[in-house]
PDB file of N, CA and C in Angstrom:
ATOM      1  N   MET A   1       0.816  -1.184   0.000  1.00  0.00           N
ATOM      2  CA  MET A   1       0.000   0.000   0.000  1.00  0.00           C
ATOM      3  C   MET A   1       0.865   1.255   0.000  1.00  0.00           C
ATOM      4  N   ALA A   2       0.268   2.338  -0.395  1.00  0.00           N
ATOM      5  CA  ALA A   2       0.982   3.605  -0.433  1.00  0.00           C
ATOM      6  C   ALA A   2       1.203   4.118   0.978  1.00  0.00           C
ATOM      7  N   ASN A   3       2.284   4.833   1.134  1.00  0.00           N
ATOM      8  CA  ASN A   3       2.623   5.404   2.416  1.00  0.00           C
ATOM      9  C   ASN A   3       1.780   6.663   2.629  1.00  0.00           C
ATOM     10  N   ASN A   4       1.008   6.725   3.696  1.00  0.00           N
ATOM     11  CA  ASN A   4       0.091   7.841   3.947  1.00  0.00           C
ATOM     12  C   ASN A   4       0.656   8.848   4.932  1.00  0.00           C
ATOM     13  N   GLU A   5       1.969   8.900   5.082  1.00  0.00           N
ATOM     14  CA  GLU A   5       2.566   9.856   5.999  1.00  0.00           C
ATOM     15  C   GLU A   5       2.554  11.244   5.384  1.00  0.00           C
ATOM     16  N   LYS A   6       2.500  12.243   6.256  1.00  0.00           N
ATOM     17  CA  LYS A   6       2.551  13.627   5.792  1.00  0.00           C
ATOM     18  C   LYS A   6       3.975  13.950   5.370  1.00  0.00           C
ATOM     19  N   PRO A   7       4.150  14.788   4.345  1.00  0.00           N
ATOM     20  CA  PRO A   7       5.503  15.152   3.934  1.00  0.00           C
ATOM     21  C   PRO A   7       6.188  15.955   5.037  1.00  0.00           C
ATOM     22  N   ALA A   8       7.484  15.841   5.098  1.00  0.00           N
ATOM     23  CA  ALA A   8       8.252  16.559   6.114  1.00  0.00           C
ATOM     24  C   ALA A   8       8.214  18.053   5.822  1.00  0.00           C
ATOM     25  N   VAL A   9       8.245  18.836   6.873  1.00  0.00           N
ATOM     26  CA  VAL A   9       8.245  20.279   6.731  1.00  0.00           C
ATOM     27  C   VAL A   9       9.660  20.707   6.374  1.00  0.00           C
ATOM     28  N   SER A  10       9.768  21.495   5.313  1.00  0.00           N
ATOM     29  CA  SER A  10      11.099  21.940   4.897  1.00  0.00           C
ATOM     30  C   SER A  10      11.587  23.041   5.823  1.00  0.00           C
ATOM     31  N   SER A  11      12.876  23.293   5.773  1.00  0.00           N
ATOM     32  CA  SER A  11      13.450  24.313   6.654  1.00  0.00           C
ATOM     33  C   SER A  11      12.934  25.703   6.299  1.00  0.00           C
ATOM     34  N   THR A  12      12.626  25.938   5.010  1.00  0.00           N
ATOM     35  CA  THR A  12      12.112  27.256   4.636  1.00  0.00           C
ATOM     36  C   THR A  12      10.690  27.446   5.144  1.00  0.00           C
ATOM     37  N   ASP A  13       9.902  26.368   5.215  1.00  0.00           N
ATOM     38  CA  ASP A  13       8.547  26.479   5.747  1.00  0.00           C
ATOM     39  C   ASP A  13       8.585  26.823   7.226  1.00  0.00           C
ATOM     40  N   ALA A  14       9.564  26.312   7.929  1.00  0.00           N
ATOM     41  CA  ALA A  14       9.664  26.573   9.354  1.00  0.00           C
ATOM     42  C   ALA A  14      10.068  28.018   9.611  1.00  0.00           C
ATOM     43  N   VAL A  15      10.791  28.622   8.676  1.00  0.00           N
ATOM     44  CA  VAL A  15      11.268  29.986   8.862  1.00  0.00           C
ATOM     45  C   VAL A  15      10.186  31.008   8.522  1.00  0.00           C
ATOM     46  N   LYS A  16       9.311  30.684   7.597  1.00  0.00           N
ATOM     47  CA  LYS A  16       8.281  31.612   7.153  1.00  0.00           C
ATOM     48  C   LYS A  16       7.351  31.966   8.303  1.00  0.00           C
ATOM     49  N   LYS A  17       6.977  33.233   8.339  1.00  0.00           N
ATOM     50  CA  LYS A  17       6.030  33.684   9.351  1.00  0.00           C
ATOM     51  C   LYS A  17       4.741  34.060   8.640  1.00  0.00           C
ATOM     52  N   GLU A  18       3.658  33.630   9.144  1.00  0.00           N
ATOM     53  CA  GLU A  18       2.355  33.907   8.554  1.00  0.00           C
ATOM     54  C   GLU A  18       1.634  34.959   9.380  1.00  0.00           C
ATOM     55  N   THR A  19       2.208  36.148   9.480  1.00  0.00           N
ATOM     56  CA  THR A  19       1.581  37.198  10.268  1.00  0.00           C
ATOM     57  C   THR A  19       0.569  37.976   9.441  1.00  0.00           C
ATOM     58  N   GLY A  20       0.732  37.974   8.121  1.00  0.00           N
ATOM     59  CA  GLY A  20      -0.187  38.704   7.265  1.00  0.00           C
ATOM     60  C   GLY A  20       0.134  40.187   7.231  1.00  0.00           C
ATOM     61  N   LYS A  21       1.165  40.609   7.954  1.00  0.00           N
ATOM     62  CA  LYS A  21       1.524  42.015   8.015  1.00  0.00           C
ATOM     63  C   LYS A  21       2.859  42.216   7.307  1.00  0.00           C
ATOM     64  N   LYS A  22       2.924  43.211   6.412  1.00  0.00           N
ATOM     65  CA  LYS A  22       4.149  43.482   5.675  1.00  0.00           C
ATOM     66  C   LYS A  22       5.101  44.289   6.535  1.00  0.00           C
ATOM     67  N   ALA A  23       6.400  44.005   6.368  1.00  0.00           N
ATOM     68  CA  ALA A  23       7.419  44.800   7.048  1.00  0.00           C
ATOM     69  C   ALA A  23       7.529  46.149   6.351  1.00  0.00           C
ATOM     70  N   SER A  24       8.068  47.131   7.048  1.00  0.00           N
ATOM     71  CA  SER A  24       8.203  48.452   6.456  1.00  0.00           C
ATOM     72  C   SER A  24       9.199  48.396   5.292  1.00  0.00           C
ATOM     73  N   PHE A  25       9.122  49.397   4.447  1.00  0.00           N
ATOM     74  CA  PHE A  25       9.966  49.429   3.250  1.00  0.00           C
ATOM     75  C   PHE A  25      11.453  49.395   3.591  1.00  0.00           C
ATOM     76  N   PRO A  26      11.934  50.217   4.527  1.00  0.00           N
ATOM     77  CA  PRO A  26      13.386  50.146   4.843  1.00  0.00           C
ATOM     78  C   PRO A  26      13.805  48.776   5.370  1.00  0.00           C
ATOM     79  N   LYS A  27      12.956  48.114   6.134  1.00  0.00           N
ATOM     80  CA  LYS A  27      13.296  46.790   6.645  1.00  0.00           C
ATOM     81  C   LYS A  27      13.353  45.770   5.520  1.00  0.00           C
ATOM     82  N   ARG A  28      12.445  45.884   4.549  1.00  0.00           N
ATOM     83  CA  ARG A  28      12.466  44.965   3.406  1.00  0.00           C
ATOM     84  C   ARG A  28      13.702  45.187   2.557  1.00  0.00           C
ATOM     85  N   VAL A  29      14.095  46.454   2.361  1.00  0.00           N
ATOM     86  CA  VAL A  29      15.294  46.759   1.582  1.00  0.00           C
ATOM     87  C   VAL A  29      16.529  46.226   2.298  1.00  0.00           C
ATOM     88  N   ALA A  30      16.608  46.440   3.613  1.00  0.00           N
ATOM     89  CA  ALA A  30      17.749  45.944   4.382  1.00  0.00           C
ATOM     90  C   ALA A  30      17.819  44.422   4.321  1.00  0.00           C
ATOM     91  N   LYS A  31      16.672  43.763   4.410  1.00  0.00           N
ATOM     92  CA  LYS A  31      16.644  42.298   4.319  1.00  0.00           C
ATOM     93  C   LYS A  31      17.110  41.836   2.944  1.00  0.00           C
ATOM     94  N   TRP A  32      16.670  42.549   1.909  1.00  0.00           N
ATOM     95  CA  TRP A  32      17.073  42.189   0.546  1.00  0.00           C
ATOM     96  C   TRP A  32      18.588  42.293   0.394  1.00  0.00           C
ATOM     97  N   PHE A  33      19.188  43.376   0.913  1.00  0.00           N
ATOM     98  CA  PHE A  33      20.639  43.535   0.818  1.00  0.00           C
ATOM     99  C   PHE A  33      21.371  42.455   1.613  1.00  0.00           C
ATOM    100  N   ARG A  34      20.883  42.111   2.804  1.00  0.00           N
ATOM    101  CA  ARG A  34      21.519  41.051   3.586  1.00  0.00           C
ATOM    102  C   ARG A  34      21.478  39.729   2.840  1.00  0.00           C
ATOM    103  N   GLU A  35      20.326  39.422   2.227  1.00  0.00           N
ATOM    104  CA  GLU A  35      20.200  38.173   1.470  1.00  0.00           C
ATOM    105  C   GLU A  35      21.090  38.192   0.229  1.00  0.00           C
ATOM    106  N   MET A  36      21.198  39.367  -0.412  1.00  0.00           N
ATOM    107  CA  MET A  36      22.037  39.474  -1.597  1.00  0.00           C
ATOM    108  C   MET A  36      23.504  39.234  -1.233  1.00  0.00           C
ATOM    109  N   VAL A  37      23.972  39.842  -0.154  1.00  0.00           N
ATOM    110  CA  VAL A  37      25.354  39.649   0.284  1.00  0.00           C
ATOM    111  C   VAL A  37      25.584  38.183   0.627  1.00  0.00           C
ATOM    112  N   SER A  38      24.618  37.577   1.287  1.00  0.00           N
ATOM    113  CA  SER A  38      24.730  36.168   1.655  1.00  0.00           C
ATOM    114  C   SER A  38      24.855  35.288   0.416  1.00  0.00           C
ATOM    115  N   GLU A  39      24.080  35.563  -0.612  1.00  0.00           N
ATOM    116  CA  GLU A  39      24.146  34.774  -1.842  1.00  0.00           C
ATOM    117  C   GLU A  39      25.456  35.025  -2.590  1.00  0.00           C
ATOM    118  N   LEU A  40      25.932  36.275  -2.603  1.00  0.00           N
ATOM    119  CA  LEU A  40      27.175  36.576  -3.304  1.00  0.00           C
ATOM    120  C   LEU A  40      28.369  35.904  -2.642  1.00  0.00           C
ATOM    121  N   LYS A  41      28.292  35.635  -1.351  1.00  0.00           N
ATOM    122  CA  LYS A  41      29.378  34.929  -0.674  1.00  0.00           C
ATOM    123  C   LYS A  41      29.441  33.467  -1.105  1.00  0.00           C
ATOM    124  N   LYS A  42      28.336  32.935  -1.620  1.00  0.00           N
ATOM    125  CA  LYS A  42      28.278  31.544  -2.066  1.00  0.00           C
ATOM    126  C   LYS A  42      28.816  31.357  -3.480  1.00  0.00           C
ATOM    127  N   VAL A  43      28.971  32.448  -4.206  1.00  0.00           N
ATOM    128  CA  VAL A  43      29.393  32.383  -5.608  1.00  0.00           C
ATOM    129  C   VAL A  43      30.860  31.983  -5.681  1.00  0.00           C
ATOM    130  N   ILE A  44      31.167  31.102  -6.604  1.00  0.00           N
ATOM    131  CA  ILE A  44      32.556  30.733  -6.862  1.00  0.00           C
ATOM    132  C   ILE A  44      33.022  31.594  -8.028  1.00  0.00           C
ATOM    133  N   TRP A  45      33.822  32.594  -7.718  1.00  0.00           N
ATOM    134  CA  TRP A  45      34.268  33.540  -8.720  1.00  0.00           C
ATOM    135  C   TRP A  45      35.410  32.943  -9.538  1.00  0.00           C
ATOM    136  N   PRO A  46      35.470  33.229 -10.840  1.00  0.00           N
ATOM    137  CA  PRO A  46      36.564  32.704 -11.666  1.00  0.00           C
ATOM    138  C   PRO A  46      37.883  33.390 -11.335  1.00  0.00           C
ATOM    139  N   THR A  47      38.949  32.660 -11.546  1.00  0.00           N
ATOM    140  CA  THR A  47      40.275  33.217 -11.328  1.00  0.00           C
ATOM    141  C   THR A  47      40.607  34.172 -12.479  1.00  0.00           C
ATOM    142  N   PRO A  48      41.606  35.034 -12.304  1.00  0.00           N
ATOM    143  CA  PRO A  48      41.987  35.916 -13.419  1.00  0.00           C
ATOM    144  C   PRO A  48      42.386  35.140 -14.678  1.00  0.00           C
ATOM    145  N   LYS A  49      43.015  33.982 -14.491  1.00  0.00           N
ATOM    146  CA  LYS A  49      43.409  33.158 -15.642  1.00  0.00           C
ATOM    147  C   LYS A  49      42.169  32.642 -16.378  1.00  0.00           C
ATOM    148  N   GLN A  50      41.166  32.189 -15.620  1.00  0.00           N
ATOM    149  CA  GLN A  50      39.930  31.714 -16.245  1.00  0.00           C
ATOM    150  C   GLN A  50      39.215  32.858 -16.954  1.00  0.00           C
ATOM    151  N   THR A  51      39.190  34.030 -16.324  1.00  0.00           N
ATOM    152  CA  THR A  51      38.533  35.188 -16.934  1.00  0.00           C
ATOM    153  C   THR A  51      39.205  35.558 -18.253  1.00  0.00           C
ATOM    154  N   ALA A  52      40.533  35.524 -18.277  1.00  0.00           N
ATOM    155  CA  ALA A  52      41.256  35.821 -19.521  1.00  0.00           C
ATOM    156  C   ALA A  52      40.940  34.776 -20.583  1.00  0.00           C
ATOM    157  N   GLY A  53      40.866  33.511 -20.194  1.00  0.00           N
ATOM    158  CA  GLY A  53      40.537  32.453 -21.145  1.00  0.00           C
ATOM    159  C   GLY A  53      39.135  32.602 -21.708  1.00  0.00           C
ATOM    160  N   PHE A  54      38.176  32.898 -20.821  1.00  0.00           N
ATOM    161  CA  PHE A  54      36.789  33.076 -21.271  1.00  0.00           C
ATOM    162  C   PHE A  54      36.674  34.285 -22.191  1.00  0.00           C
ATOM    163  N   THR A  55      37.417  35.348 -21.871  1.00  0.00           N
ATOM    164  CA  THR A  55      37.401  36.546 -22.715  1.00  0.00           C
ATOM    165  C   THR A  55      37.977  36.240 -24.091  1.00  0.00           C
ATOM    166  N   ALA A  56      39.056  35.481 -24.118  1.00  0.00           N
ATOM    167  CA  ALA A  56      39.673  35.113 -25.405  1.00  0.00           C
ATOM    168  C   ALA A  56      38.708  34.286 -26.245  1.00  0.00           C
ATOM    169  N   VAL A  57      38.032  33.335 -25.620  1.00  0.00           N
ATOM    170  CA  VAL A  57      37.065  32.515 -26.351  1.00  0.00           C
ATOM    171  C   VAL A  57      35.949  33.387 -26.909  1.00  0.00           C
ATOM    172  N   ALA A  58      35.444  34.319 -26.098  1.00  0.00           N
ATOM    173  CA  ALA A  58      34.369  35.201 -26.556  1.00  0.00           C
ATOM    174  C   ALA A  58      34.826  36.051 -27.733  1.00  0.00           C
ATOM    175  N   LEU A  59      36.059  36.580 -27.675  1.00  0.00           N
ATOM    176  CA  LEU A  59      36.565  37.401 -28.779  1.00  0.00           C
ATOM    177  C   LEU A  59      36.739  36.583 -30.055  1.00  0.00           C
ATOM    178  N   VAL A  60      37.235  35.362 -29.935  1.00  0.00           N
ATOM    179  CA  VAL A  60      37.400  34.496 -31.112  1.00  0.00           C
ATOM    180  C   VAL A  60      36.040  34.191 -31.736  1.00  0.00           C
ATOM    181  N   VAL A  61      35.069  33.881 -30.905  1.00  0.00           N
ATOM    182  CA  VAL A  61      33.722  33.585 -31.434  1.00  0.00           C
ATOM    183  C   VAL A  61      33.146  34.810 -32.131  1.00  0.00           C
ATOM    184  N   MET A  62      33.358  36.002 -31.555  1.00  0.00           N
ATOM    185  CA  MET A  62      32.851  37.220 -32.195  1.00  0.00           C
ATOM    186  C   MET A  62      33.526  37.473 -33.540  1.00  0.00           C
ATOM    187  N   VAL A  63      34.834  37.249 -33.616  1.00  0.00           N
ATOM    188  CA  VAL A  63      35.548  37.454 -34.884  1.00  0.00           C
ATOM    189  C   VAL A  63      35.057  36.457 -35.937  1.00  0.00           C
ATOM    190  N   VAL A  64      34.915  35.194 -35.568  1.00  0.00           N
ATOM    191  CA  VAL A  64      34.435  34.171 -36.513  1.00  0.00           C
ATOM    192  C   VAL A  64      33.027  34.516 -36.989  1.00  0.00           C
ATOM    193  N   ALA A  65      32.164  34.922 -36.060  1.00  0.00           N
ATOM    194  CA  ALA A  65      30.791  35.273 -36.442  1.00  0.00           C
ATOM    195  C   ALA A  65      30.772  36.490 -37.362  1.00  0.00           C
ATOM    196  N   SER A  66      31.605  37.484 -37.062  1.00  0.00           N
ATOM    197  CA  SER A  66      31.607  38.676 -37.911  1.00  0.00           C
ATOM    198  C   SER A  66      32.148  38.374 -39.307  1.00  0.00           C
ATOM    199  N   VAL A  67      33.156  37.509 -39.406  1.00  0.00           N
ATOM    200  CA  VAL A  67      33.676  37.115 -40.726  1.00  0.00           C
ATOM    201  C   VAL A  67      32.601  36.347 -41.496  1.00  0.00           C
ATOM    202  N   PHE A  68      31.878  35.472 -40.816  1.00  0.00           N
ATOM    203  CA  PHE A  68      30.810  34.714 -41.466  1.00  0.00           C
ATOM    204  C   PHE A  68      29.719  35.653 -41.975  1.00  0.00           C
ATOM    205  N   ILE A  69      29.299  36.596 -41.145  1.00  0.00           N
ATOM    206  CA  ILE A  69      28.251  37.541 -41.555  1.00  0.00           C
ATOM    207  C   ILE A  69      28.746  38.418 -42.695  1.00  0.00           C
ATOM    208  N   TRP A  70      30.014  38.883 -42.621  1.00  0.00           N
ATOM    209  CA  TRP A  70      30.581  39.687 -43.702  1.00  0.00           C
ATOM    210  C   TRP A  70      30.597  38.896 -45.013  1.00  0.00           C
ATOM    211  N   GLY A  71      31.020  37.637 -44.946  1.00  0.00           N
ATOM    212  CA  GLY A  71      31.047  36.796 -46.144  1.00  0.00           C
ATOM    213  C   GLY A  71      29.664  36.589 -46.736  1.00  0.00           C
ATOM    214  N   PHE A  72      28.693  36.327 -45.874  1.00  0.00           N
ATOM    215  CA  PHE A  72      27.321  36.159 -46.357  1.00  0.00           C
ATOM    216  C   PHE A  72      26.825  37.446 -46.995  1.00  0.00           C
ATOM    217  N   ASP A  73      27.153  38.588 -46.391  1.00  0.00           N
ATOM    218  CA  ASP A  73      26.731  39.878 -46.937  1.00  0.00           C
ATOM    219  C   ASP A  73      27.352  40.122 -48.307  1.00  0.00           C
ATOM    220  N   GLN A  74      28.615  39.764 -48.467  1.00  0.00           N
ATOM    221  CA  GLN A  74      29.285  39.954 -49.759  1.00  0.00           C
ATOM    222  C   GLN A  74      28.650  39.079 -50.838  1.00  0.00           C
ATOM    223  N   ILE A  75      28.350  37.833 -50.491  1.00  0.00           N
ATOM    224  CA  ILE A  75      27.708  36.922 -51.449  1.00  0.00           C
ATOM    225  C   ILE A  75      26.328  37.434 -51.820  1.00  0.00           C
ATOM    226  N   ALA A  76      25.554  37.866 -50.822  1.00  0.00           N
ATOM    227  CA  ALA A  76      24.209  38.379 -51.091  1.00  0.00           C
ATOM    228  C   ALA A  76      24.281  39.637 -51.944  1.00  0.00           C
ATOM    229  N   GLN A  77      25.229  40.502 -51.647  1.00  0.00           N
ATOM    230  CA  GLN A  77      25.390  41.729 -52.441  1.00  0.00           C
ATOM    231  C   GLN A  77      25.734  41.388 -53.886  1.00  0.00           C
ATOM    232  N   PHE A  78      26.601  40.423 -54.102  1.00  0.00           N
ATOM    233  CA  PHE A  78      26.967  40.011 -55.453  1.00  0.00           C
ATOM    234  C   PHE A  78      25.752  39.459 -56.200  1.00  0.00           C
ATOM    235  N   ILE A  79      24.961  38.624 -55.529  1.00  0.00           N
ATOM    236  CA  ILE A  79      23.779  38.022 -56.167  1.00  0.00           C
ATOM    237  C   ILE A  79      22.771  39.098 -56.525  1.00  0.00           C
ATOM    238  N   VAL A  80      22.515  40.024 -55.605  1.00  0.00           N
ATOM    239  CA  VAL A  80      21.535  41.079 -55.879  1.00  0.00           C
ATOM    240  C   VAL A  80      22.013  41.992 -57.006  1.00  0.00           C
ATOM    241  N   SER A  81      23.277  42.355 -57.002  1.00  0.00           N
ATOM    242  CA  SER A  81      23.782  43.249 -58.066  1.00  0.00           C
ATOM    243  C   SER A  81      23.775  42.523 -59.418  1.00  0.00           C
ATOM    244  N   THR A  82      24.022  41.200 -59.420  1.00  0.00           N
ATOM    245  CA  THR A  82      23.958  40.437 -60.667  1.00  0.00           C
ATOM    246  C   THR A  82      22.533  40.399 -61.197  1.00  0.00           C
ATOM    247  N   ILE A  83      21.578  40.178 -60.328  1.00  0.00           N
ATOM    248  CA  ILE A  83      20.164  40.148 -60.748  1.00  0.00           C
ATOM    249  C   ILE A  83      19.743  41.493 -61.281  1.00  0.00           C
ATOM    250  N   ILE A  84      20.164  42.568 -60.616  1.00  0.00           N
ATOM    251  CA  ILE A  84      19.797  43.915 -61.082  1.00  0.00           C
ATOM    252  C   ILE A  84      20.431  44.222 -62.435  1.00  0.00           C
ATOM    253  N   SER A  85      21.686  43.828 -62.614  1.00  0.00           N
ATOM    254  CA  SER A  85      22.353  44.116 -63.905  1.00  0.00           C
ATOM    255  C   SER A  85      21.734  43.293 -65.038  1.00  0.00           C
ATOM    256  N   LEU A  86      21.284  42.064 -64.742  1.00  0.00           N
ATOM    257  CA  LEU A  86      20.636  41.234 -65.784  1.00  0.00           C
ATOM    258  C   LEU A  86      19.268  41.797 -66.152  1.00  0.00           C
ATOM    259  N   ALA A  87      18.577  42.328 -65.159  1.00  0.00           N
ATOM    260  CA  ALA A  87      17.219  42.838 -65.425  1.00  0.00           C
ATOM    261  C   ALA A  87      17.269  44.226 -66.039  1.00  0.00           C
ATOM    262  N   GLY A  88      18.299  44.975 -65.829  1.00  0.00           N
ATOM    263  CA  GLY A  88      18.344  46.365 -66.269  1.00  0.00           C
ATOM    264  C   GLY A  88      18.934  46.523 -67.589  1.00  0.00           C
TER     265      GLY A  88
END
């Protein structure tokens, strides 16, 4: 048979308060900043070497994409000018 137990209460449910009353605006802003700082401390920031590598990859991809778009534009321009010269 299926287990009919109630699900466990999560830690966030235990922290929530159901007062129905909103905190004042400055208190909400202060809480938001405290939570933001807390989350930023959890972030694993890249090393300068990783940042340089990621930047290099991004620049290479941008150069390849721009060359591809330039090439496509040149081909399209040639086709359109050929069609115009044949029709004119």
